[in-house]
Amino acid sequence: MNRIIIVGTLLILLIVAYFYFAYAPVPNEPHLSSKIEQATIQVANQTRNYLFYVPKKLSNKPALIIALHGTGMNADKMRQWTAFEFDQLADQKGFVVIYPNGYKGNWNDCRSNVPFPAKKENIDDVGFIQSLVDQFKKDYGVDAGKVYVFGFSNGGQMALRLAMEEPGLIAAVSAIGANLPTLATCSCKLEGQTSRVMLVTGTKDPINPYYGGDVTLFGFKKIGTVISAQASAESLAERNGITTKPLTEKIQNLKENNLEENNGIYTERKSWTKAGQTVVELCTIYGGGHVIPQSKFRFPKLMGETSKSFDAPQQAVSFFGL
């Protein structure tokens, strides 16, 4: 009898722990003007697949936002983990959204020491993004000067690769939970102008260390080495010819009247500008974890706290100038 009680108690504790630390309920899908579609494209003798959303009222020469998921995720989860906000914003502003699927759940980013299949097999993810842009320019008249990338975690690292290697293709990127690799572990070029970059990072990120160091899966498996968020922003600013100090501002809690209702989390924005335009932006979420800040999706607790007042998809769209 005692053994049954012990086993039952352990089972209950495991269930409680799961729902508290790992459970992430999918938000209700909003009513949209059009439907999400799926398609494939051939890239370097590989069939790559993706989801995309084209609103009913599409702008003339519309902008394109490409949303890149994190490790182990897919296009469906990226829609869910951004609370379907890009689809809703597309309806409001008339742009196109693409959610590509990575190779075996990951991307070939700039970190030379990651153990991901995409890196080990040197998958042509840059070519994949280029092919998607070309396809959507042809099919929907996408403006070549209004192509943007939003990436989370490994997807954020891929966004940074695109910013550094393809500034002529990508006008701006927003990288969430991703710092630049260290000099010794970076496989991308480290000189020359980049796309405009918005970094969003949490000081208590359990995976991508805000202050630099080893990127790990909750302290266990090493998946790269990065410099600090501040050093990343400064490096990008220098590459774009900016040597002046950034403008620093504290972003007030936008949802509630006091910080206590937002778990004490607040955001500081640093902006490096040139010719009147913000070229690099660092949004530090003090107390934030390895999440996409927004108020509609509940990230697993083990990934850290989520700011409910700073809305990363909306802030990225604003940074892109849409």
C-alpha atoms as a PDB file:
ATOM      1  CA  MET A   1       0.000   0.000   0.000  1.00  0.00           C
ATOM      2  CA  ASN A   2       2.823   2.381   0.927  1.00  0.00           C
ATOM      3  CA  ARG A   3       4.491   1.695  -2.408  1.00  0.00           C
ATOM      4  CA  ILE A   4       1.291   2.526  -4.285  1.00  0.00           C
ATOM      5  CA  ILE A   5       0.972   5.796  -2.350  1.00  0.00           C
ATOM      6  CA  ILE A   6       4.584   6.725  -3.100  1.00  0.00           C
ATOM      7  CA  VAL A   7       4.239   5.948  -6.820  1.00  0.00           C
ATOM      8  CA  GLY A   8       0.946   7.842  -6.980  1.00  0.00           C
ATOM      9  CA  THR A   9       2.453  10.846  -5.211  1.00  0.00           C
ATOM     10  CA  LEU A  10       5.457  10.882  -7.558  1.00  0.00           C
ATOM     11  CA  LEU A  11       3.136  10.695 -10.573  1.00  0.00           C
ATOM     12  CA  ILE A  12       1.103  13.621  -9.294  1.00  0.00           C
ATOM     13  CA  LEU A  13       4.282  15.623  -8.681  1.00  0.00           C
ATOM     14  CA  LEU A  14       5.510  14.862 -12.201  1.00  0.00           C
ATOM     15  CA  ILE A  15       2.200  15.987 -13.702  1.00  0.00           C
ATOM     16  CA  VAL A  16       2.229  19.192 -11.651  1.00  0.00           C
ATOM     17  CA  ALA A  17       5.861  19.848 -12.632  1.00  0.00           C
ATOM     18  CA  TYR A  18       5.038  19.330 -16.315  1.00  0.00           C
ATOM     19  CA  PHE A  19       2.117  21.735 -16.294  1.00  0.00           C
ATOM     20  CA  TYR A  20       4.102  24.342 -14.365  1.00  0.00           C
ATOM     21  CA  PHE A  21       7.498  24.122 -16.123  1.00  0.00           C
ATOM     22  CA  ALA A  22       6.892  22.687 -19.602  1.00  0.00           C
ATOM     23  CA  TYR A  23       3.236  23.142 -20.567  1.00  0.00           C
ATOM     24  CA  ALA A  24       2.626  25.715 -23.297  1.00  0.00           C
ATOM     25  CA  PRO A  25      -1.052  25.882 -24.311  1.00  0.00           C
ATOM     26  CA  VAL A  26      -1.691  26.888 -27.912  1.00  0.00           C
ATOM     27  CA  PRO A  27      -3.609  30.180 -28.111  1.00  0.00           C
ATOM     28  CA  ASN A  28      -6.812  30.293 -30.087  1.00  0.00           C
ATOM     29  CA  GLU A  29      -6.185  30.984 -33.739  1.00  0.00           C
ATOM     30  CA  PRO A  30      -7.644  34.394 -34.641  1.00  0.00           C
ATOM     31  CA  HIS A  31     -10.086  35.118 -37.424  1.00  0.00           C
ATOM     32  CA  LEU A  32      -8.058  36.097 -40.480  1.00  0.00           C
ATOM     33  CA  SER A  33      -9.003  37.561 -43.849  1.00  0.00           C
ATOM     34  CA  SER A  34      -7.352  34.681 -45.696  1.00  0.00           C
ATOM     35  CA  LYS A  35      -5.982  31.217 -44.945  1.00  0.00           C
ATOM     36  CA  ILE A  36      -2.538  29.903 -44.134  1.00  0.00           C
ATOM     37  CA  GLU A  37      -1.063  27.876 -46.998  1.00  0.00           C
ATOM     38  CA  GLN A  38       1.770  25.382 -47.324  1.00  0.00           C
ATOM     39  CA  ALA A  39       4.130  24.854 -50.228  1.00  0.00           C
ATOM     40  CA  THR A  40       7.508  23.442 -51.247  1.00  0.00           C
ATOM     41  CA  ILE A  41      10.446  24.773 -53.205  1.00  0.00           C
ATOM     42  CA  GLN A  42      13.538  23.102 -54.679  1.00  0.00           C
ATOM     43  CA  VAL A  43      16.864  24.351 -53.347  1.00  0.00           C
ATOM     44  CA  ALA A  44      20.203  22.683 -54.123  1.00  0.00           C
ATOM     45  CA  ASN A  45      18.531  19.362 -55.001  1.00  0.00           C
ATOM     46  CA  GLN A  46      16.500  19.429 -51.812  1.00  0.00           C
ATOM     47  CA  THR A  47      12.785  19.893 -51.343  1.00  0.00           C
ATOM     48  CA  ARG A  48      12.243  22.561 -48.690  1.00  0.00           C
ATOM     49  CA  ASN A  49       8.808  23.295 -47.261  1.00  0.00           C
ATOM     50  CA  TYR A  50       7.176  26.290 -45.655  1.00  0.00           C
ATOM     51  CA  LEU A  51       3.920  27.941 -44.631  1.00  0.00           C
ATOM     52  CA  PHE A  52       2.878  31.350 -45.878  1.00  0.00           C
ATOM     53  CA  TYR A  53       0.120  33.877 -45.366  1.00  0.00           C
ATOM     54  CA  VAL A  54      -1.131  36.389 -47.917  1.00  0.00           C
ATOM     55  CA  PRO A  55      -3.887  38.688 -46.592  1.00  0.00           C
ATOM     56  CA  LYS A  56      -6.985  39.365 -48.654  1.00  0.00           C
ATOM     57  CA  LYS A  57      -6.080  43.044 -48.934  1.00  0.00           C
ATOM     58  CA  LEU A  58      -2.476  43.023 -50.112  1.00  0.00           C
ATOM     59  CA  SER A  59      -0.581  46.280 -50.531  1.00  0.00           C
ATOM     60  CA  ASN A  60       0.807  47.312 -53.876  1.00  0.00           C
ATOM     61  CA  LYS A  61       4.415  46.004 -53.953  1.00  0.00           C
ATOM     62  CA  PRO A  62       4.005  44.548 -50.470  1.00  0.00           C
ATOM     63  CA  ALA A  63       6.660  43.967 -47.852  1.00  0.00           C
ATOM     64  CA  LEU A  64       7.701  40.433 -46.918  1.00  0.00           C
ATOM     65  CA  ILE A  65       8.472  39.151 -43.410  1.00  0.00           C
ATOM     66  CA  ILE A  66      10.188  35.781 -43.057  1.00  0.00           C
ATOM     67  CA  ALA A  67       9.762  34.260 -39.566  1.00  0.00           C
ATOM     68  CA  LEU A  68      12.414  31.689 -38.605  1.00  0.00           C
ATOM     69  CA  HIS A  69      11.722  29.208 -35.797  1.00  0.00           C
ATOM     70  CA  GLY A  70      14.102  28.008 -33.091  1.00  0.00           C
ATOM     71  CA  THR A  71      15.794  24.642 -32.644  1.00  0.00           C
ATOM     72  CA  GLY A  72      13.386  21.712 -32.504  1.00  0.00           C
ATOM     73  CA  MET A  73      10.476  23.855 -33.614  1.00  0.00           C
ATOM     74  CA  ASN A  74       8.747  24.112 -36.980  1.00  0.00           C
ATOM     75  CA  ALA A  75       6.697  26.605 -38.968  1.00  0.00           C
ATOM     76  CA  ASP A  76       3.460  25.732 -37.144  1.00  0.00           C
ATOM     77  CA  LYS A  77       5.045  26.295 -33.751  1.00  0.00           C
ATOM     78  CA  MET A  78       6.542  29.587 -34.877  1.00  0.00           C
ATOM     79  CA  ARG A  79       3.059  30.841 -35.701  1.00  0.00           C
ATOM     80  CA  GLN A  80       1.814  29.655 -32.310  1.00  0.00           C
ATOM     81  CA  TRP A  81       4.776  30.964 -30.300  1.00  0.00           C
ATOM     82  CA  THR A  82       4.348  34.401 -31.857  1.00  0.00           C
ATOM     83  CA  ALA A  83       0.625  34.137 -30.974  1.00  0.00           C
ATOM     84  CA  PHE A  84      -0.328  34.420 -34.672  1.00  0.00           C
ATOM     85  CA  GLU A  85       0.548  38.115 -34.458  1.00  0.00           C
ATOM     86  CA  PHE A  86       2.355  38.312 -37.790  1.00  0.00           C
ATOM     87  CA  ASP A  87      -0.744  37.015 -39.586  1.00  0.00           C
ATOM     88  CA  GLN A  88      -2.900  39.600 -37.826  1.00  0.00           C
ATOM     89  CA  LEU A  89      -0.420  42.384 -38.553  1.00  0.00           C
ATOM     90  CA  ALA A  90      -0.318  41.265 -42.183  1.00  0.00           C
ATOM     91  CA  ASP A  91      -4.091  41.754 -42.329  1.00  0.00           C
ATOM     92  CA  GLN A  92      -3.695  45.243 -40.879  1.00  0.00           C
ATOM     93  CA  LYS A  93      -0.747  46.382 -42.968  1.00  0.00           C
ATOM     94  CA  GLY A  94      -0.994  44.340 -46.168  1.00  0.00           C
ATOM     95  CA  PHE A  95       2.331  42.480 -46.115  1.00  0.00           C
ATOM     96  CA  VAL A  96       3.168  38.813 -46.774  1.00  0.00           C
ATOM     97  CA  VAL A  97       4.495  36.381 -44.132  1.00  0.00           C
ATOM     98  CA  ILE A  98       6.523  33.218 -44.721  1.00  0.00           C
ATOM     99  CA  TYR A  99       7.246  30.587 -42.061  1.00  0.00           C
ATOM    100  CA  PRO A 100      10.006  28.323 -43.454  1.00  0.00           C
ATOM    101  CA  ASN A 101      10.836  24.947 -41.933  1.00  0.00           C
ATOM    102  CA  GLY A 102      14.463  24.383 -40.988  1.00  0.00           C
ATOM    103  CA  TYR A 103      16.436  21.296 -41.954  1.00  0.00           C
ATOM    104  CA  LYS A 104      15.673  18.617 -39.337  1.00  0.00           C
ATOM    105  CA  GLY A 105      14.413  21.345 -37.036  1.00  0.00           C
ATOM    106  CA  ASN A 106      17.376  23.729 -37.227  1.00  0.00           C
ATOM    107  CA  TRP A 107      19.294  26.268 -39.309  1.00  0.00           C
ATOM    108  CA  ASN A 108      22.849  26.588 -40.629  1.00  0.00           C
ATOM    109  CA  ASP A 109      23.809  29.749 -38.743  1.00  0.00           C
ATOM    110  CA  CYS A 110      27.196  31.426 -38.111  1.00  0.00           C
ATOM    111  CA  ARG A 111      28.238  29.339 -35.093  1.00  0.00           C
ATOM    112  CA  SER A 112      30.915  26.916 -36.277  1.00  0.00           C
ATOM    113  CA  ASN A 113      30.737  24.743 -33.146  1.00  0.00           C
ATOM    114  CA  VAL A 114      27.059  23.806 -33.057  1.00  0.00           C
ATOM    115  CA  PRO A 115      26.120  20.114 -33.373  1.00  0.00           C
ATOM    116  CA  PHE A 116      23.053  20.689 -35.567  1.00  0.00           C
ATOM    117  CA  PRO A 117      22.522  18.629 -38.763  1.00  0.00           C
ATOM    118  CA  ALA A 118      22.048  21.823 -40.800  1.00  0.00           C
ATOM    119  CA  LYS A 119      25.538  22.977 -39.799  1.00  0.00           C
ATOM    120  CA  LYS A 120      27.226  19.597 -40.045  1.00  0.00           C
ATOM    121  CA  GLU A 121      25.823  19.008 -43.526  1.00  0.00           C
ATOM    122  CA  ASN A 122      26.323  22.653 -44.555  1.00  0.00           C
ATOM    123  CA  ILE A 123      22.722  23.018 -45.710  1.00  0.00           C
ATOM    124  CA  ASP A 124      22.198  25.954 -48.067  1.00  0.00           C
ATOM    125  CA  ASP A 125      19.786  27.902 -45.886  1.00  0.00           C
ATOM    126  CA  VAL A 126      20.885  31.224 -47.368  1.00  0.00           C
ATOM    127  CA  GLY A 127      19.966  29.841 -50.786  1.00  0.00           C
ATOM    128  CA  PHE A 128      16.612  28.701 -49.352  1.00  0.00           C
ATOM    129  CA  ILE A 129      15.788  32.230 -48.195  1.00  0.00           C
ATOM    130  CA  GLN A 130      16.992  33.733 -51.471  1.00  0.00           C
ATOM    131  CA  SER A 131      14.794  31.326 -53.429  1.00  0.00           C
ATOM    132  CA  LEU A 132      11.753  32.201 -51.317  1.00  0.00           C
ATOM    133  CA  VAL A 133      12.306  35.920 -51.843  1.00  0.00           C
ATOM    134  CA  ASP A 134      12.649  35.419 -55.609  1.00  0.00           C
ATOM    135  CA  GLN A 135       9.505  33.269 -55.698  1.00  0.00           C
ATOM    136  CA  PHE A 136       7.388  35.768 -53.788  1.00  0.00           C
ATOM    137  CA  LYS A 137       8.685  38.719 -55.810  1.00  0.00           C
ATOM    138  CA  LYS A 138       7.470  36.848 -58.873  1.00  0.00           C
ATOM    139  CA  ASP A 139       4.151  35.587 -57.466  1.00  0.00           C
ATOM    140  CA  TYR A 140       3.024  38.524 -55.328  1.00  0.00           C
ATOM    141  CA  GLY A 141       5.083  41.491 -56.466  1.00  0.00           C
ATOM    142  CA  VAL A 142       7.007  41.755 -53.181  1.00  0.00           C
ATOM    143  CA  ASP A 143       9.101  44.919 -52.973  1.00  0.00           C
ATOM    144  CA  ALA A 144      12.770  43.891 -53.142  1.00  0.00           C
ATOM    145  CA  GLY A 145      13.637  46.717 -50.758  1.00  0.00           C
ATOM    146  CA  LYS A 146      11.156  45.587 -48.112  1.00  0.00           C
ATOM    147  CA  VAL A 147      12.272  42.068 -47.225  1.00  0.00           C
ATOM    148  CA  TYR A 148      12.673  41.468 -43.475  1.00  0.00           C
ATOM    149  CA  VAL A 149      13.549  38.532 -41.221  1.00  0.00           C
ATOM    150  CA  PHE A 150      12.332  37.812 -37.691  1.00  0.00           C
ATOM    151  CA  GLY A 151      14.099  34.934 -35.955  1.00  0.00           C
ATOM    152  CA  PHE A 152      13.942  33.265 -32.555  1.00  0.00           C
ATOM    153  CA  SER A 153      16.873  31.439 -30.929  1.00  0.00           C
ATOM    154  CA  ASN A 154      18.563  29.364 -33.677  1.00  0.00           C
ATOM    155  CA  GLY A 155      16.280  31.247 -36.084  1.00  0.00           C
ATOM    156  CA  GLY A 156      17.620  34.481 -34.590  1.00  0.00           C
ATOM    157  CA  GLN A 157      21.153  33.257 -35.242  1.00  0.00           C
ATOM    158  CA  MET A 158      20.152  32.545 -38.850  1.00  0.00           C
ATOM    159  CA  ALA A 159      18.676  36.049 -39.087  1.00  0.00           C
ATOM    160  CA  LEU A 160      22.033  37.458 -37.964  1.00  0.00           C
ATOM    161  CA  ARG A 161      23.790  35.410 -40.634  1.00  0.00           C
ATOM    162  CA  LEU A 162      21.504  36.869 -43.274  1.00  0.00           C
ATOM    163  CA  ALA A 163      22.095  40.379 -41.928  1.00  0.00           C
ATOM    164  CA  MET A 164      25.872  39.918 -42.155  1.00  0.00           C
ATOM    165  CA  GLU A 165      26.050  38.024 -45.439  1.00  0.00           C
ATOM    166  CA  GLU A 166      23.069  39.308 -47.420  1.00  0.00           C
ATOM    167  CA  PRO A 167      22.463  43.001 -46.602  1.00  0.00           C
ATOM    168  CA  GLY A 168      21.483  43.559 -50.228  1.00  0.00           C
ATOM    169  CA  LEU A 169      18.732  40.952 -49.949  1.00  0.00           C
ATOM    170  CA  ILE A 170      17.446  41.597 -46.416  1.00  0.00           C
ATOM    171  CA  ALA A 171      16.660  45.187 -45.410  1.00  0.00           C
ATOM    172  CA  ALA A 172      16.422  44.509 -41.661  1.00  0.00           C
ATOM    173  CA  VAL A 173      16.254  41.668 -39.157  1.00  0.00           C
ATOM    174  CA  SER A 174      14.980  41.169 -35.628  1.00  0.00           C
ATOM    175  CA  ALA A 175      16.876  38.493 -33.692  1.00  0.00           C
ATOM    176  CA  ILE A 176      15.254  37.251 -30.473  1.00  0.00           C
ATOM    177  CA  GLY A 177      17.355  35.335 -27.931  1.00  0.00           C
ATOM    178  CA  ALA A 178      20.503  35.385 -30.068  1.00  0.00           C
ATOM    179  CA  ASN A 179      23.925  37.064 -29.674  1.00  0.00           C
ATOM    180  CA  LEU A 180      26.773  37.102 -32.184  1.00  0.00           C
ATOM    181  CA  PRO A 181      29.218  34.175 -32.046  1.00  0.00           C
ATOM    182  CA  THR A 182      32.691  34.728 -30.623  1.00  0.00           C
ATOM    183  CA  LEU A 183      35.447  35.613 -33.084  1.00  0.00           C
ATOM    184  CA  ALA A 184      36.995  32.143 -32.793  1.00  0.00           C
ATOM    185  CA  THR A 185      33.703  30.319 -33.426  1.00  0.00           C
ATOM    186  CA  CYS A 186      32.158  32.472 -36.164  1.00  0.00           C
ATOM    187  CA  SER A 187      31.962  30.987 -39.667  1.00  0.00           C
ATOM    188  CA  CYS A 188      30.534  34.170 -41.235  1.00  0.00           C
ATOM    189  CA  LYS A 189      32.428  37.215 -42.449  1.00  0.00           C
ATOM    190  CA  LEU A 190      33.044  39.775 -39.741  1.00  0.00           C
ATOM    191  CA  GLU A 191      33.544  42.923 -41.754  1.00  0.00           C
ATOM    192  CA  GLY A 192      31.447  45.158 -43.979  1.00  0.00           C
ATOM    193  CA  GLN A 193      28.033  46.756 -43.753  1.00  0.00           C
ATOM    194  CA  THR A 194      25.082  44.703 -42.493  1.00  0.00           C
ATOM    195  CA  SER A 195      21.324  44.901 -42.693  1.00  0.00           C
ATOM    196  CA  ARG A 196      19.656  46.961 -39.971  1.00  0.00           C
ATOM    197  CA  VAL A 197      19.452  44.812 -36.818  1.00  0.00           C
ATOM    198  CA  MET A 198      17.148  44.725 -33.805  1.00  0.00           C
ATOM    199  CA  LEU A 199      18.304  42.488 -30.938  1.00  0.00           C
ATOM    200  CA  VAL A 200      15.874  41.419 -28.198  1.00  0.00           C
ATOM    201  CA  THR A 201      17.472  39.548 -25.312  1.00  0.00           C
ATOM    202  CA  GLY A 202      16.629  38.615 -21.724  1.00  0.00           C
ATOM    203  CA  THR A 203      19.127  39.027 -18.885  1.00  0.00           C
ATOM    204  CA  LYS A 204      17.999  35.726 -17.359  1.00  0.00           C
ATOM    205  CA  ASP A 205      17.976  33.704 -20.556  1.00  0.00           C
ATOM    206  CA  PRO A 206      18.831  30.078 -19.556  1.00  0.00           C
ATOM    207  CA  ILE A 207      20.019  29.150 -23.060  1.00  0.00           C
ATOM    208  CA  ASN A 208      21.575  32.172 -24.799  1.00  0.00           C
ATOM    209  CA  PRO A 209      23.666  33.962 -22.123  1.00  0.00           C
ATOM    210  CA  TYR A 210      22.969  37.687 -22.135  1.00  0.00           C
ATOM    211  CA  TYR A 211      26.489  38.494 -20.903  1.00  0.00           C
ATOM    212  CA  GLY A 212      28.183  36.062 -23.282  1.00  0.00           C
ATOM    213  CA  GLY A 213      29.628  32.562 -22.919  1.00  0.00           C
ATOM    214  CA  ASP A 214      28.493  29.050 -23.795  1.00  0.00           C
ATOM    215  CA  VAL A 215      25.064  28.579 -25.320  1.00  0.00           C
ATOM    216  CA  THR A 216      23.613  25.450 -23.727  1.00  0.00           C
ATOM    217  CA  LEU A 217      20.389  23.508 -23.444  1.00  0.00           C
ATOM    218  CA  PHE A 218      19.625  24.446 -19.835  1.00  0.00           C
ATOM    219  CA  GLY A 219      23.237  24.004 -18.783  1.00  0.00           C
ATOM    220  CA  PHE A 220      23.736  20.559 -20.313  1.00  0.00           C
ATOM    221  CA  LYS A 221      24.495  20.250 -24.030  1.00  0.00           C
ATOM    222  CA  LYS A 222      26.747  22.980 -25.475  1.00  0.00           C
ATOM    223  CA  ILE A 223      25.403  24.487 -28.704  1.00  0.00           C
ATOM    224  CA  GLY A 224      27.773  27.344 -29.429  1.00  0.00           C
ATOM    225  CA  THR A 225      29.644  30.258 -27.868  1.00  0.00           C
ATOM    226  CA  VAL A 226      28.596  33.900 -28.064  1.00  0.00           C
ATOM    227  CA  ILE A 227      29.716  37.367 -27.061  1.00  0.00           C
ATOM    228  CA  SER A 228      27.456  39.535 -24.908  1.00  0.00           C
ATOM    229  CA  ALA A 229      24.322  41.238 -26.203  1.00  0.00           C
ATOM    230  CA  GLN A 230      25.919  44.654 -25.649  1.00  0.00           C
ATOM    231  CA  ALA A 231      29.095  43.633 -27.524  1.00  0.00           C
ATOM    232  CA  SER A 232      26.960  42.202 -30.334  1.00  0.00           C
ATOM    233  CA  ALA A 233      25.129  45.492 -30.784  1.00  0.00           C
ATOM    234  CA  GLU A 234      28.345  47.506 -30.614  1.00  0.00           C
ATOM    235  CA  SER A 235      30.032  45.250 -33.175  1.00  0.00           C
ATOM    236  CA  LEU A 236      27.125  45.636 -35.596  1.00  0.00           C
ATOM    237  CA  ALA A 237      27.095  49.412 -35.075  1.00  0.00           C
ATOM    238  CA  GLU A 238      30.836  49.641 -35.805  1.00  0.00           C
ATOM    239  CA  ARG A 239      30.431  47.600 -38.979  1.00  0.00           C
ATOM    240  CA  ASN A 240      27.922  50.177 -40.158  1.00  0.00           C
ATOM    241  CA  GLY A 241      30.245  53.093 -39.459  1.00  0.00           C
ATOM    242  CA  ILE A 242      28.640  54.217 -36.184  1.00  0.00           C
ATOM    243  CA  THR A 243      31.086  55.241 -33.471  1.00  0.00           C
ATOM    244  CA  THR A 244      28.849  57.470 -31.359  1.00  0.00           C
ATOM    245  CA  LYS A 245      27.193  56.295 -28.144  1.00  0.00           C
ATOM    246  CA  PRO A 246      23.654  54.946 -28.391  1.00  0.00           C
ATOM    247  CA  LEU A 247      20.518  56.686 -27.227  1.00  0.00           C
ATOM    248  CA  THR A 248      19.268  54.851 -24.144  1.00  0.00           C
ATOM    249  CA  GLU A 249      15.670  54.840 -22.950  1.00  0.00           C
ATOM    250  CA  LYS A 250      13.651  52.784 -20.521  1.00  0.00           C
ATOM    251  CA  ILE A 251      10.473  51.447 -22.080  1.00  0.00           C
ATOM    252  CA  GLN A 252       7.651  51.876 -19.599  1.00  0.00           C
ATOM    253  CA  ASN A 253       5.310  49.037 -18.849  1.00  0.00           C
ATOM    254  CA  LEU A 254       2.776  49.286 -21.665  1.00  0.00           C
ATOM    255  CA  LYS A 255       0.184  46.891 -20.279  1.00  0.00           C
ATOM    256  CA  GLU A 256      -0.166  47.698 -16.594  1.00  0.00           C
ATOM    257  CA  ASN A 257       0.419  50.741 -14.427  1.00  0.00           C
ATOM    258  CA  ASN A 258       3.168  49.193 -12.340  1.00  0.00           C
ATOM    259  CA  LEU A 259       6.049  46.796 -12.814  1.00  0.00           C
ATOM    260  CA  GLU A 260       4.940  44.413 -10.064  1.00  0.00           C
ATOM    261  CA  GLU A 261       2.056  43.203 -12.223  1.00  0.00           C
ATOM    262  CA  ASN A 262       4.618  42.296 -14.897  1.00  0.00           C
ATOM    263  CA  ASN A 263       6.809  40.231 -12.533  1.00  0.00           C
ATOM    264  CA  GLY A 264       9.211  43.144 -12.121  1.00  0.00           C
ATOM    265  CA  ILE A 265      10.326  42.820 -15.743  1.00  0.00           C
ATOM    266  CA  TYR A 266      11.166  45.969 -17.659  1.00  0.00           C
ATOM    267  CA  THR A 267      12.845  46.828 -20.950  1.00  0.00           C
ATOM    268  CA  GLU A 268      15.699  49.147 -21.846  1.00  0.00           C
ATOM    269  CA  ARG A 269      16.223  50.165 -25.473  1.00  0.00           C
ATOM    270  CA  LYS A 270      19.568  51.304 -26.871  1.00  0.00           C
ATOM    271  CA  SER A 271      19.550  52.756 -30.379  1.00  0.00           C
ATOM    272  CA  TRP A 272      22.509  53.412 -32.667  1.00  0.00           C
ATOM    273  CA  THR A 273      21.522  55.812 -35.453  1.00  0.00           C
ATOM    274  CA  LYS A 274      23.007  57.049 -38.694  1.00  0.00           C
ATOM    275  CA  ALA A 275      21.621  59.742 -40.972  1.00  0.00           C
ATOM    276  CA  GLY A 276      18.469  59.908 -38.881  1.00  0.00           C
ATOM    277  CA  GLN A 277      17.738  56.171 -39.088  1.00  0.00           C
ATOM    278  CA  THR A 278      18.092  53.538 -36.373  1.00  0.00           C
ATOM    279  CA  VAL A 279      20.576  51.008 -37.728  1.00  0.00           C
ATOM    280  CA  VAL A 280      21.093  48.871 -34.617  1.00  0.00           C
ATOM    281  CA  GLU A 281      18.742  48.494 -31.680  1.00  0.00           C
ATOM    282  CA  LEU A 282      19.277  46.489 -28.499  1.00  0.00           C
ATOM    283  CA  CYS A 283      16.183  45.800 -26.417  1.00  0.00           C
ATOM    284  CA  THR A 284      17.221  44.317 -23.089  1.00  0.00           C
ATOM    285  CA  ILE A 285      14.462  42.557 -21.173  1.00  0.00           C
ATOM    286  CA  TYR A 286      15.626  42.756 -17.556  1.00  0.00           C
ATOM    287  CA  GLY A 287      14.521  39.541 -15.866  1.00  0.00           C
ATOM    288  CA  GLY A 288      13.408  38.044 -19.184  1.00  0.00           C
ATOM    289  CA  GLY A 289      14.116  34.486 -20.338  1.00  0.00           C
ATOM    290  CA  HIS A 290      14.575  32.620 -23.615  1.00  0.00           C
ATOM    291  CA  VAL A 291      11.212  33.626 -25.005  1.00  0.00           C
ATOM    292  CA  ILE A 292       9.501  35.821 -27.580  1.00  0.00           C
ATOM    293  CA  PRO A 293       8.160  38.680 -25.456  1.00  0.00           C
ATOM    294  CA  GLN A 294       4.408  39.194 -25.900  1.00  0.00           C
ATOM    295  CA  SER A 295       1.269  38.750 -23.811  1.00  0.00           C
ATOM    296  CA  LYS A 296      -0.787  36.136 -25.660  1.00  0.00           C
ATOM    297  CA  PHE A 297       1.349  32.971 -25.599  1.00  0.00           C
ATOM    298  CA  ARG A 298       2.419  31.258 -22.373  1.00  0.00           C
ATOM    299  CA  PHE A 299       5.975  30.035 -22.835  1.00  0.00           C
ATOM    300  CA  PRO A 300       7.141  27.028 -20.796  1.00  0.00           C
ATOM    301  CA  LYS A 301       8.306  28.276 -17.390  1.00  0.00           C
ATOM    302  CA  LEU A 302      11.622  26.460 -17.761  1.00  0.00           C
ATOM    303  CA  MET A 303      12.490  28.957 -20.509  1.00  0.00           C
ATOM    304  CA  GLY A 304      12.252  31.860 -18.099  1.00  0.00           C
ATOM    305  CA  GLU A 305       9.942  34.820 -17.602  1.00  0.00           C
ATOM    306  CA  THR A 306       8.056  36.519 -20.427  1.00  0.00           C
ATOM    307  CA  SER A 307       7.530  40.256 -20.601  1.00  0.00           C
ATOM    308  CA  LYS A 308       3.855  40.909 -21.203  1.00  0.00           C
ATOM    309  CA  SER A 309       4.324  44.594 -21.919  1.00  0.00           C
ATOM    310  CA  PHE A 310       6.984  44.420 -24.646  1.00  0.00           C
ATOM    311  CA  ASP A 311       5.465  42.902 -27.780  1.00  0.00           C
ATOM    312  CA  ALA A 312       8.341  41.607 -29.930  1.00  0.00           C
ATOM    313  CA  PRO A 313       6.367  40.985 -33.173  1.00  0.00           C
ATOM    314  CA  GLN A 314       4.796  44.448 -33.032  1.00  0.00           C
ATOM    315  CA  GLN A 315       8.096  46.086 -32.093  1.00  0.00           C
ATOM    316  CA  ALA A 316       9.856  44.294 -34.945  1.00  0.00           C
ATOM    317  CA  VAL A 317       7.246  45.436 -37.475  1.00  0.00           C
ATOM    318  CA  SER A 318       7.698  48.981 -36.194  1.00  0.00           C
ATOM    319  CA  PHE A 319      11.498  48.670 -36.466  1.00  0.00           C
ATOM    320  CA  PHE A 320      11.103  47.426 -40.023  1.00  0.00           C
ATOM    321  CA  GLY A 321       9.172  50.617 -40.785  1.00  0.00           C
ATOM    322  CA  LEU A 322       5.840  48.986 -41.645  1.00  0.00           C
END
